[in-house]
Amino acid sequence: MEIRSYINVFAKNEFNTVVAGGKKLIILIIVSTISLWSIGFSSGASKFLKNKMDSPFVKFLTIEIPADKAEDSSYIREIEKRLSDSTNMWLYDIKSYSFTSFNQQRFYTINRNSKSESAKIRMIPPDNELYHFMKKRGFLSDSYVDMKYNPFTIIVTVQFLEKLGYKEYPAFINYRFRSNKGEFSVPIGIAAVVDQLPDKCDIMCAESFFPDLAGYTYDNILDINTHKNDFLIFYSGDIPEETSKSYVLKETRNFKNPTFVDGSTYRVQSDLSDIQLTDLLKKDLEDEFVRIYDLTSAVSDKKSYNEVIYDHLIIEINTLEKIPDFRQFMLSEKNKMELGIDMDVIESRNNFLTFHYVSKILSNVLVLISIGFIIVLIIQTLLQHINRNAKNLGTLKAFGMSNRVIGVTYVGISFVIITIVYAATCLLLAISAELFTSSVLRFVNLDTGGESLFNFYVLLTYFPFFTVLPLVIVGLTIWLKIRNETPGDLIYER
């Protein structure tokens, strides 16, 4: 059989007859588009919620210790004894525990006027499991400064920066230092900017920095009066070639990164007063520099301060299913702890898991229905066509056309139909999926912060289910239909 004649005379005419009018082809494209959009939206929504819920809030539990108990050293030792017990650690799948403290301090707004905003500050040891978890899981930006090596920097939330009036991420924010000597603005370097922090905190700092930041120390390193003999600036641009001769800038290469923003630190040498020098620098550097202080140089081993009260217990539990039992364990009177656990976040996580599983089941059901509809419609169309043209096919078989050729012809027609449907579906979704998804989100007043809720990856994931699977089933059905049919059976419709 000559291939070109076979295609032009038989195969092409059969395809045109099968898809005549194009109505069924359009129906298939519509069904496929709606199904894959629903699946992509469901997948994207699940991924969005997972990112929201997959946070330190869930993996690490924060338990508040009443003030009278937090100051009782024997009570703290009892907690440590219970939680370090190997049986309890195994029974409740406890990975680690630690103690921490919180404090409220104020920071000036971007205009540096008298207005300031209160920040909830939490301390964390740089070798703490929670801090390691945040670094490992990418909660900190790629350019973050590690507080283990730069303890006098802080981690700040986006929300608090916006509260201070910043539209772009600054290198420093201005701490409101108050003492009996007056009130000062002290720039503190930002180690990283994050979307959120555990326990609805605005700022997280290293444990060694917390006593000064929270005002527990008497000789505070944030007191700028102790830094008067040193004039340091941070500048993120290139130093102009022509500057005033009244001062000399020397880059301090051994100065540890004071912020996550790219830039350099310079020591300014001059005989001018601080006010005169500041005015000159503003003129030369166009007010883009920040005067900073070497807090490390003010650290003293003989520092005196009030003792920090560790009034919160942090528990890391590997398995969420263990938390209800652990909650009962902490509330039990015989354990002499009687501490409650806020279950709101855990319940939210469980609700998300329920939504995730239900969404996944519904998506799979929708896939099965859609694929089933496509298969049934194609098979029904082809079988109706074969039955209508049975006499013609019988005549062709009588003249030597084999069942294999007929079977391959209709499988090929099915392949072309399925390919057209899937390609058209992908094209439609590429053009309109984002627009339609955004319209749905606006209709239900859901703000995702600009993040897309349609997962285009499903077009690749479900490709074999919407193409290969229907093709195999259609091919088997056609083959079973014609494999034992003789020319007489077809001609006489037996």
Protein backbone atom coordinates (compact mmCIF):
# COMPACT_ATOMS: atom_id res chain seq x y z
CA MET A 1 0.00 0.00 0.00
CA GLU A 2 1.39 3.39 -0.99
CA ILE A 3 1.54 5.57 2.15
CA ARG A 4 0.79 8.91 0.52
CA SER A 5 -2.29 7.58 -1.26
CA TYR A 6 -3.45 5.89 1.95
CA ILE A 7 -3.20 9.16 3.89
CA ASN A 8 -4.76 11.40 1.24
CA VAL A 9 -7.49 9.05 0.06
CA PHE A 10 -8.47 7.20 3.22
CA ALA A 11 -6.99 8.48 6.53
CA LYS A 12 -7.52 12.20 5.89
CA ASN A 13 -11.10 11.72 4.69
CA GLU A 14 -11.89 9.53 7.71
CA PHE A 15 -10.53 12.19 10.09
CA ASN A 16 -12.55 14.96 8.42
CA THR A 17 -15.70 12.85 8.63
CA VAL A 18 -15.15 12.01 12.33
CA VAL A 19 -14.63 15.65 13.38
CA ALA A 20 -17.16 17.08 10.91
CA GLY A 21 -18.66 20.30 12.30
CA GLY A 22 -16.15 20.44 15.15
CA LYS A 23 -18.84 20.55 17.87
CA LYS A 24 -17.55 17.52 19.75
CA LEU A 25 -13.99 18.79 19.45
CA ILE A 26 -15.03 22.10 21.02
CA ILE A 27 -16.86 20.25 23.82
CA LEU A 28 -13.72 18.22 24.55
CA ILE A 29 -11.57 21.37 24.68
CA ILE A 30 -14.03 23.11 27.03
CA VAL A 31 -14.22 20.09 29.39
CA SER A 32 -10.44 19.66 29.37
CA THR A 33 -9.82 23.39 30.00
CA ILE A 34 -12.27 23.61 32.91
CA SER A 35 -10.88 20.43 34.46
CA LEU A 36 -7.22 21.41 34.20
CA TRP A 37 -7.92 24.95 35.44
CA SER A 38 -9.75 23.53 38.47
CA ILE A 39 -6.90 21.13 39.16
CA GLY A 40 -4.27 23.86 38.71
CA PHE A 41 -6.17 26.25 40.98
CA SER A 42 -6.61 23.58 43.65
CA SER A 43 -2.92 22.68 43.49
CA GLY A 44 -1.84 26.33 43.62
CA ALA A 45 -4.15 27.08 46.55
CA SER A 46 -2.83 24.06 48.48
CA LYS A 47 0.75 25.15 47.81
CA PHE A 48 -0.04 28.71 48.94
CA LEU A 49 -1.61 27.50 52.19
CA LYS A 50 1.26 25.08 52.76
CA ASN A 51 3.76 27.94 52.57
CA LYS A 52 1.65 29.89 55.02
CA MET A 53 1.35 27.01 57.47
CA ASP A 54 4.81 25.49 57.07
CA SER A 55 6.45 27.78 59.58
CA PRO A 56 8.26 27.77 62.93
CA PHE A 57 4.88 28.52 64.53
CA VAL A 58 3.91 24.88 64.18
CA LYS A 59 7.18 23.01 64.57
CA PHE A 60 8.14 24.95 67.70
CA LEU A 61 5.61 25.40 70.49
CA THR A 62 5.82 28.48 72.73
CA ILE A 63 4.52 28.00 76.26
CA GLU A 64 4.17 30.97 78.58
CA ILE A 65 5.47 30.54 82.13
CA PRO A 66 3.70 32.65 84.80
CA ALA A 67 5.99 35.36 86.23
CA ASP A 68 6.03 33.94 89.78
CA LYS A 69 7.05 30.50 88.47
CA ALA A 70 9.60 31.90 85.99
CA GLU A 71 11.47 33.51 88.89
CA ASP A 72 11.47 30.23 90.84
CA SER A 73 14.72 28.41 90.01
CA SER A 74 13.47 25.13 91.53
CA TYR A 75 10.43 25.22 89.22
CA ILE A 76 12.65 25.78 86.16
CA ARG A 77 14.86 22.87 87.23
CA GLU A 78 11.77 20.66 87.53
CA ILE A 79 10.77 21.54 83.94
CA GLU A 80 14.26 20.73 82.70
CA LYS A 81 14.21 17.44 84.57
CA ARG A 82 10.87 16.38 83.09
CA LEU A 83 11.66 17.41 79.54
CA SER A 84 15.15 15.92 79.46
CA ASP A 85 13.86 12.56 80.69
CA SER A 86 14.57 10.06 77.88
CA THR A 87 11.20 8.32 78.34
CA ASN A 88 9.24 11.57 77.99
CA MET A 89 11.33 12.65 75.01
CA TRP A 90 10.58 9.35 73.26
CA LEU A 91 6.93 9.25 74.33
CA TYR A 92 6.11 12.77 73.04
CA ASP A 93 8.72 12.88 70.27
CA ILE A 94 10.48 15.91 71.80
CA LYS A 95 13.54 16.94 69.81
CA SER A 96 14.69 19.94 71.87
CA TYR A 97 13.60 22.55 74.37
CA SER A 98 14.88 25.97 75.45
CA PHE A 99 13.84 29.08 77.36
CA THR A 100 13.39 32.59 76.02
CA SER A 101 12.09 36.03 76.91
CA PHE A 102 10.13 38.83 75.25
CA ASN A 103 10.22 42.60 75.55
CA GLN A 104 8.56 45.70 74.12
CA GLN A 105 10.79 48.54 72.81
CA ARG A 106 10.22 51.50 70.53
CA PHE A 107 11.79 52.42 67.18
CA TYR A 108 11.59 55.72 65.33
CA THR A 109 9.64 56.00 62.11
CA ILE A 110 11.41 56.70 58.81
CA ASN A 111 11.12 60.49 59.23
CA ARG A 112 13.19 60.32 62.43
CA ASN A 113 10.85 62.71 64.18
CA SER A 114 9.51 62.21 67.66
CA LYS A 115 7.07 59.55 66.48
CA SER A 116 7.99 55.96 67.28
CA GLU A 117 6.35 52.54 67.11
CA SER A 118 6.42 49.74 69.67
CA ALA A 119 8.02 46.42 68.66
CA LYS A 120 7.64 43.02 70.26
CA ILE A 121 11.18 41.65 70.59
CA ARG A 122 12.16 38.06 71.15
CA MET A 123 15.65 36.81 71.88
CA ILE A 124 17.13 33.64 70.45
CA PRO A 125 20.50 31.93 70.98
CA PRO A 126 22.32 31.71 67.60
CA ASP A 127 22.97 28.00 68.21
CA ASN A 128 19.28 27.39 68.94
CA GLU A 129 17.35 24.78 66.94
CA LEU A 130 14.71 27.33 65.92
CA TYR A 131 17.35 29.65 64.44
CA HIS A 132 18.98 26.72 62.59
CA PHE A 133 15.53 25.72 61.32
CA MET A 134 14.82 29.23 59.99
CA LYS A 135 18.16 29.33 58.15
CA LYS A 136 17.84 25.81 56.77
CA ARG A 137 14.26 26.19 55.56
CA GLY A 138 14.89 29.51 53.79
CA PHE A 139 12.89 31.80 56.07
CA LEU A 140 15.79 34.25 55.90
CA SER A 141 16.76 35.94 52.64
CA ASP A 142 19.85 34.77 50.74
CA SER A 143 21.83 37.85 51.74
CA TYR A 144 21.11 37.53 55.47
CA VAL A 145 23.74 38.29 58.09
CA ASP A 146 24.24 35.43 60.54
CA MET A 147 23.59 36.62 64.10
CA LYS A 148 25.99 33.95 65.34
CA TYR A 149 28.88 36.02 63.97
CA ASN A 150 27.13 39.42 64.04
CA PRO A 151 25.22 39.38 67.34
CA PHE A 152 24.39 43.10 67.32
CA THR A 153 22.07 42.87 64.33
CA ILE A 154 18.35 42.08 64.32
CA ILE A 155 15.81 40.22 62.19
CA VAL A 156 12.76 42.37 61.34
CA THR A 157 9.38 41.58 59.81
CA VAL A 158 8.10 43.27 56.65
CA GLN A 159 4.97 44.35 58.51
CA PHE A 160 6.95 46.24 61.16
CA LEU A 161 9.06 48.02 58.52
CA GLU A 162 5.86 49.12 56.82
CA LYS A 163 4.59 50.29 60.20
CA LEU A 164 7.69 52.48 60.47
CA GLY A 165 6.96 53.91 57.02
CA TYR A 166 9.59 52.11 54.96
CA LYS A 167 8.63 51.22 51.39
CA GLU A 168 12.02 49.68 50.64
CA TYR A 169 14.09 47.54 52.98
CA PRO A 170 16.53 49.77 54.91
CA ALA A 171 20.01 48.78 56.09
CA PHE A 172 19.28 50.04 59.63
CA ILE A 173 16.32 51.06 61.76
CA ASN A 174 16.53 53.64 64.52
CA TYR A 175 16.19 52.39 68.10
CA ARG A 176 14.75 54.83 70.62
CA PHE A 177 17.26 54.81 73.47
CA ARG A 178 16.14 56.48 76.66
CA SER A 179 18.10 57.11 79.84
CA ASN A 180 18.45 59.74 82.55
CA LYS A 181 20.90 61.50 80.22
CA GLY A 182 18.30 61.97 77.51
CA GLU A 183 16.79 60.33 74.49
CA PHE A 184 18.77 59.28 71.40
CA SER A 185 18.29 57.60 68.03
CA VAL A 186 20.60 54.61 67.63
CA PRO A 187 20.79 52.81 64.24
CA ILE A 188 20.72 49.03 64.56
CA GLY A 189 21.74 46.90 61.59
CA ILE A 190 19.20 44.57 60.03
CA ALA A 191 20.40 40.97 59.65
CA ALA A 192 17.41 39.88 57.56
CA VAL A 193 13.87 40.85 56.64
CA VAL A 194 11.22 38.13 56.95
CA ASP A 195 7.51 37.85 56.26
CA GLN A 196 6.75 36.74 59.79
CA LEU A 197 8.30 35.63 63.06
CA PRO A 198 7.11 33.16 65.69
CA ASP A 199 4.71 34.36 68.39
CA LYS A 200 3.68 37.43 66.36
CA CYS A 201 7.00 39.10 67.12
CA ASP A 202 8.26 42.11 65.18
CA ILE A 203 11.96 41.66 65.91
CA MET A 204 14.27 38.80 66.81
CA CYS A 205 17.72 39.37 68.29
CA ALA A 206 20.65 37.35 69.60
CA GLU A 207 20.56 36.34 73.26
CA SER A 208 23.76 38.29 73.99
CA PHE A 209 22.23 41.50 72.57
CA PHE A 210 18.86 41.15 74.30
CA PRO A 211 19.82 42.61 77.75
CA ASP A 212 20.99 45.87 76.12
CA LEU A 213 18.12 46.04 73.62
CA ALA A 214 15.54 45.33 76.34
CA GLY A 215 17.10 47.81 78.77
CA TYR A 216 18.28 45.36 81.42
CA THR A 217 21.87 46.72 81.52
CA TYR A 218 23.14 49.70 83.50
CA ASP A 219 26.10 50.45 81.19
CA ASN A 220 24.23 49.93 77.93
CA ILE A 221 26.27 49.53 74.73
CA LEU A 222 23.53 51.41 72.86
CA ASP A 223 24.29 54.58 74.81
CA ILE A 224 25.91 56.74 72.11
CA ASN A 225 27.74 58.77 74.77
CA THR A 226 30.16 55.84 75.09
CA HIS A 227 31.05 56.09 71.37
CA LYS A 228 31.90 59.77 71.07
CA ASN A 229 35.57 59.23 70.21
CA ASP A 230 34.73 57.12 67.16
CA PHE A 231 32.94 58.37 64.02
CA LEU A 232 31.85 55.50 61.77
CA ILE A 233 29.57 55.66 58.75
CA PHE A 234 27.93 53.06 56.55
CA TYR A 235 27.64 53.95 52.88
CA SER A 236 26.12 51.76 50.16
CA GLY A 237 27.26 53.80 47.15
CA ASP A 238 30.59 54.71 45.58
CA ILE A 239 32.54 57.44 47.33
CA PRO A 240 32.71 60.55 45.08
CA GLU A 241 36.14 61.39 43.70
CA GLU A 242 35.93 64.92 45.05
CA THR A 243 35.07 65.36 48.72
CA SER A 244 35.91 67.92 51.38
CA LYS A 245 39.54 68.11 52.53
CA SER A 246 38.33 68.58 56.09
CA TYR A 247 38.02 64.85 56.71
CA VAL A 248 39.52 61.53 55.66
CA LEU A 249 37.51 58.34 54.99
CA LYS A 250 39.20 55.02 55.74
CA GLU A 251 37.35 51.81 54.97
CA THR A 252 37.34 49.43 57.95
CA ARG A 253 37.72 46.10 56.19
CA ASN A 254 37.98 44.20 59.45
CA PHE A 255 34.59 45.57 60.59
CA LYS A 256 32.00 42.78 60.61
CA ASN A 257 29.02 43.19 58.31
CA PRO A 258 26.71 45.54 60.20
CA THR A 259 23.70 44.86 57.92
CA PHE A 260 22.40 42.60 55.17
CA VAL A 261 22.44 45.47 52.67
CA ASP A 262 25.55 45.73 50.48
CA GLY A 263 27.82 48.58 51.44
CA SER A 264 31.02 49.57 53.24
CA THR A 265 31.90 50.92 56.65
CA TYR A 266 34.26 53.90 56.90
CA ARG A 267 36.04 55.46 59.85
CA VAL A 268 35.97 59.24 59.51
CA GLN A 269 39.02 61.15 60.73
CA SER A 270 38.59 64.88 61.24
CA ASP A 271 39.17 67.73 63.67
CA LEU A 272 35.67 69.05 63.10
CA SER A 273 32.86 68.68 65.59
CA ASP A 274 30.35 65.88 65.04
CA ILE A 275 27.70 68.38 63.88
CA GLN A 276 30.03 70.09 61.38
CA LEU A 277 31.30 66.75 60.12
CA THR A 278 27.75 65.42 59.67
CA ASP A 279 26.76 68.49 57.63
CA LEU A 280 29.80 68.08 55.36
CA LEU A 281 29.11 64.38 54.81
CA LYS A 282 25.49 65.12 53.96
CA LYS A 283 26.68 67.55 51.32
CA ASP A 284 29.29 65.19 49.83
CA LEU A 285 27.38 61.92 50.11
CA GLU A 286 23.91 63.37 49.50
CA ASP A 287 22.47 62.23 52.82
CA GLU A 288 22.74 58.56 51.84
CA PHE A 289 25.11 57.54 54.62
CA VAL A 290 24.24 56.32 58.11
CA ARG A 291 26.31 57.07 61.16
CA ILE A 292 26.76 53.81 63.02
CA TYR A 293 28.47 52.64 66.18
CA ASP A 294 30.86 49.79 66.85
CA LEU A 295 28.80 48.05 69.51
CA THR A 296 31.36 45.27 69.85
CA SER A 297 33.94 47.72 71.21
CA ALA A 298 31.61 48.64 74.08
CA VAL A 299 31.13 45.06 75.30
CA SER A 300 32.60 44.43 78.72
CA ASP A 301 32.99 41.25 80.73
CA LYS A 302 32.20 43.28 83.86
CA LYS A 303 28.88 44.53 82.57
CA SER A 304 26.24 44.87 85.27
CA TYR A 305 22.58 44.28 84.54
CA ASN A 306 19.35 43.04 86.01
CA GLU A 307 18.80 39.34 85.52
CA VAL A 308 16.71 38.50 82.44
CA ILE A 309 13.61 36.51 83.31
CA TYR A 310 13.11 33.58 80.92
CA ASP A 311 9.34 33.43 81.02
CA HIS A 312 8.65 31.35 77.90
CA LEU A 313 9.41 27.70 77.15
CA ILE A 314 10.10 26.64 73.55
CA ILE A 315 9.46 22.99 72.67
CA GLU A 316 10.38 21.38 69.34
CA ILE A 317 8.20 18.36 68.59
CA ASN A 318 8.73 16.26 65.48
CA THR A 319 5.21 14.83 65.16
CA LEU A 320 2.08 16.96 65.30
CA GLU A 321 -0.01 13.96 66.32
CA LYS A 322 1.87 13.88 69.65
CA ILE A 323 0.91 17.43 70.64
CA PRO A 324 -2.53 16.71 72.21
CA ASP A 325 -0.96 14.04 74.45
CA PHE A 326 1.94 16.36 75.27
CA ARG A 327 -0.55 19.09 76.19
CA GLN A 328 -2.17 16.77 78.71
CA PHE A 329 1.25 15.86 80.04
CA MET A 330 2.12 19.54 80.62
CA LEU A 331 -1.22 20.21 82.35
CA SER A 332 -0.98 17.18 84.63
CA GLU A 333 -0.68 18.06 88.32
CA LYS A 334 1.59 15.11 89.08
CA ASN A 335 4.27 16.57 86.80
CA LYS A 336 4.32 19.77 88.91
CA MET A 337 4.41 21.96 85.78
CA GLU A 338 0.75 22.70 84.99
CA LEU A 339 1.46 24.74 81.86
CA GLY A 340 -1.09 25.17 79.08
CA ILE A 341 -0.40 25.17 75.32
CA ASP A 342 -2.13 27.48 72.84
CA MET A 343 -3.62 25.07 70.29
CA ASP A 344 -4.89 27.67 67.79
CA VAL A 345 -1.95 27.30 65.40
CA ILE A 346 -2.01 23.50 65.67
CA GLU A 347 -5.73 23.40 64.92
CA SER A 348 -5.19 25.73 61.94
CA ARG A 349 -2.53 23.35 60.67
CA ASN A 350 -4.86 20.39 61.08
CA ASN A 351 -7.65 22.27 59.28
CA PHE A 352 -5.24 22.96 56.43
CA LEU A 353 -4.28 19.27 56.22
CA THR A 354 -7.97 18.36 56.07
CA PHE A 355 -8.54 20.91 53.29
CA HIS A 356 -5.43 19.66 51.49
CA TYR A 357 -6.55 16.01 51.53
CA VAL A 358 -10.15 16.84 50.56
CA SER A 359 -8.89 19.09 47.75
CA LYS A 360 -6.60 16.34 46.53
CA ILE A 361 -9.43 13.77 46.53
CA LEU A 362 -11.77 16.14 44.68
CA SER A 363 -9.04 16.93 42.13
CA ASN A 364 -8.47 13.23 41.47
CA VAL A 365 -12.21 12.61 41.17
CA LEU A 366 -12.44 15.50 38.70
CA VAL A 367 -9.54 14.05 36.72
CA LEU A 368 -11.23 10.65 36.51
CA ILE A 369 -14.55 12.20 35.44
CA SER A 370 -12.89 14.39 32.80
CA ILE A 371 -10.73 11.61 31.38
CA GLY A 372 -13.72 9.28 31.42
CA PHE A 373 -15.81 11.85 29.55
CA ILE A 374 -13.07 12.34 26.94
CA ILE A 375 -12.63 8.58 26.47
CA VAL A 376 -16.36 7.87 26.23
CA LEU A 377 -16.98 10.72 23.76
CA ILE A 378 -14.09 9.70 21.50
CA ILE A 379 -15.00 5.99 21.59
CA GLN A 380 -18.67 6.74 21.00
CA THR A 381 -17.83 9.00 18.04
CA LEU A 382 -15.45 6.47 16.47
CA LEU A 383 -17.74 3.47 16.98
CA GLN A 384 -20.71 5.36 15.51
CA HIS A 385 -18.55 6.28 12.54
CA ILE A 386 -17.36 2.68 12.10
CA ASN A 387 -20.93 1.36 12.28
CA ARG A 388 -22.12 3.95 9.73
CA ASN A 389 -19.31 3.03 7.35
CA ALA A 390 -19.26 -0.71 8.04
CA LYS A 391 -20.08 -1.63 4.44
CA ASN A 392 -17.31 0.56 3.05
CA LEU A 393 -14.81 -0.89 5.53
CA GLY A 394 -15.98 -4.43 4.65
CA THR A 395 -15.38 -3.70 0.97
CA LEU A 396 -11.88 -2.36 1.74
CA LYS A 397 -11.12 -5.47 3.78
CA ALA A 398 -12.34 -7.64 0.91
CA PHE A 399 -9.83 -5.88 -1.36
CA GLY A 400 -7.00 -6.59 1.08
CA MET A 401 -6.98 -3.91 3.78
CA SER A 402 -6.03 -5.59 7.07
CA ASN A 403 -7.54 -5.11 10.51
CA ARG A 404 -4.20 -3.71 11.64
CA VAL A 405 -4.35 -0.88 9.06
CA ILE A 406 -7.92 -0.03 10.02
CA GLY A 407 -7.05 -0.13 13.73
CA VAL A 408 -3.96 2.04 13.27
CA THR A 409 -6.01 4.51 11.22
CA TYR A 410 -8.57 5.09 13.96
CA VAL A 411 -5.96 5.11 16.73
CA GLY A 412 -4.12 7.73 14.69
CA ILE A 413 -7.32 9.77 14.37
CA SER A 414 -7.76 9.49 18.16
CA PHE A 415 -4.16 10.61 18.69
CA VAL A 416 -4.67 13.70 16.50
CA ILE A 417 -7.95 14.56 18.27
CA ILE A 418 -6.41 14.17 21.75
CA THR A 419 -3.32 16.16 20.73
CA ILE A 420 -5.44 19.02 19.34
CA VAL A 421 -7.60 19.05 22.49
CA TYR A 422 -4.64 19.10 24.90
CA ALA A 423 -2.64 21.64 22.87
CA ALA A 424 -5.67 23.94 22.65
CA THR A 425 -6.28 23.52 26.38
CA CYS A 426 -2.66 24.45 27.22
CA LEU A 427 -2.83 27.47 24.94
CA LEU A 428 -6.09 28.69 26.46
CA LEU A 429 -4.76 28.26 30.00
CA ALA A 430 -1.48 29.99 29.15
CA ILE A 431 -3.46 32.98 27.90
CA SER A 432 -6.32 33.16 30.40
CA ALA A 433 -5.53 31.06 33.52
CA GLU A 434 -3.88 33.91 35.47
CA LEU A 435 -6.54 36.42 34.45
CA PHE A 436 -9.42 34.09 35.34
CA THR A 437 -7.79 33.08 38.64
CA SER A 438 -7.28 36.74 39.60
CA SER A 439 -10.92 37.46 38.78
CA VAL A 440 -12.08 34.61 41.03
CA LEU A 441 -9.84 35.86 43.87
CA ARG A 442 -11.17 39.40 43.53
CA PHE A 443 -14.73 38.08 43.54
CA VAL A 444 -14.17 36.30 46.88
CA ASN A 445 -12.02 39.20 48.26
CA LEU A 446 -8.96 37.02 48.82
CA ASP A 447 -5.62 38.87 48.89
CA THR A 448 -2.59 36.65 48.16
CA GLY A 449 -0.06 39.46 48.12
CA GLY A 450 0.42 39.14 44.38
CA GLU A 451 1.23 35.45 44.52
CA SER A 452 -0.33 33.31 41.79
CA LEU A 453 -2.71 30.56 42.85
CA PHE A 454 -2.63 28.69 39.55
CA ASN A 455 -0.02 25.96 39.30
CA PHE A 456 1.01 25.62 35.64
CA TYR A 457 3.05 22.55 36.56
CA VAL A 458 -0.17 20.48 36.48
CA LEU A 459 -0.16 20.79 32.67
CA LEU A 460 2.98 18.67 32.68
CA THR A 461 1.97 16.43 35.59
CA TYR A 462 -1.37 15.43 34.08
CA PHE A 463 -0.15 15.23 30.48
CA PRO A 464 0.00 11.40 30.41
CA PHE A 465 -3.43 11.10 32.05
CA PHE A 466 -5.12 13.34 29.48
CA THR A 467 -3.25 11.97 26.44
CA VAL A 468 -1.59 8.57 26.80
CA LEU A 469 -4.26 6.96 28.99
CA PRO A 470 -7.24 7.89 26.72
CA LEU A 471 -5.24 6.85 23.64
CA VAL A 472 -4.46 3.40 25.08
CA ILE A 473 -8.09 2.77 26.12
CA VAL A 474 -9.49 4.02 22.79
CA GLY A 475 -6.96 1.91 20.88
CA LEU A 476 -7.84 -1.25 22.82
CA THR A 477 -11.57 -0.63 22.35
CA ILE A 478 -11.23 -0.14 18.56
CA TRP A 479 -9.02 -3.20 18.25
CA LEU A 480 -11.48 -5.38 20.19
CA LYS A 481 -14.27 -4.08 17.94
CA ILE A 482 -12.69 -4.94 14.58
CA ARG A 483 -10.14 -7.68 15.25
CA ASN A 484 -12.54 -10.59 14.52
CA GLU A 485 -14.75 -8.82 12.00
CA THR A 486 -14.77 -10.41 8.52
CA PRO A 487 -15.60 -8.47 5.32
CA GLY A 488 -18.97 -10.26 5.24
CA ASP A 489 -19.72 -9.28 8.84
CA LEU A 490 -19.13 -5.64 8.04
CA ILE A 491 -20.89 -5.58 4.67
CA TYR A 492 -23.97 -7.42 5.85
CA GLU A 493 -23.81 -5.81 9.36
CA ARG A 494 -23.77 -9.16 11.09
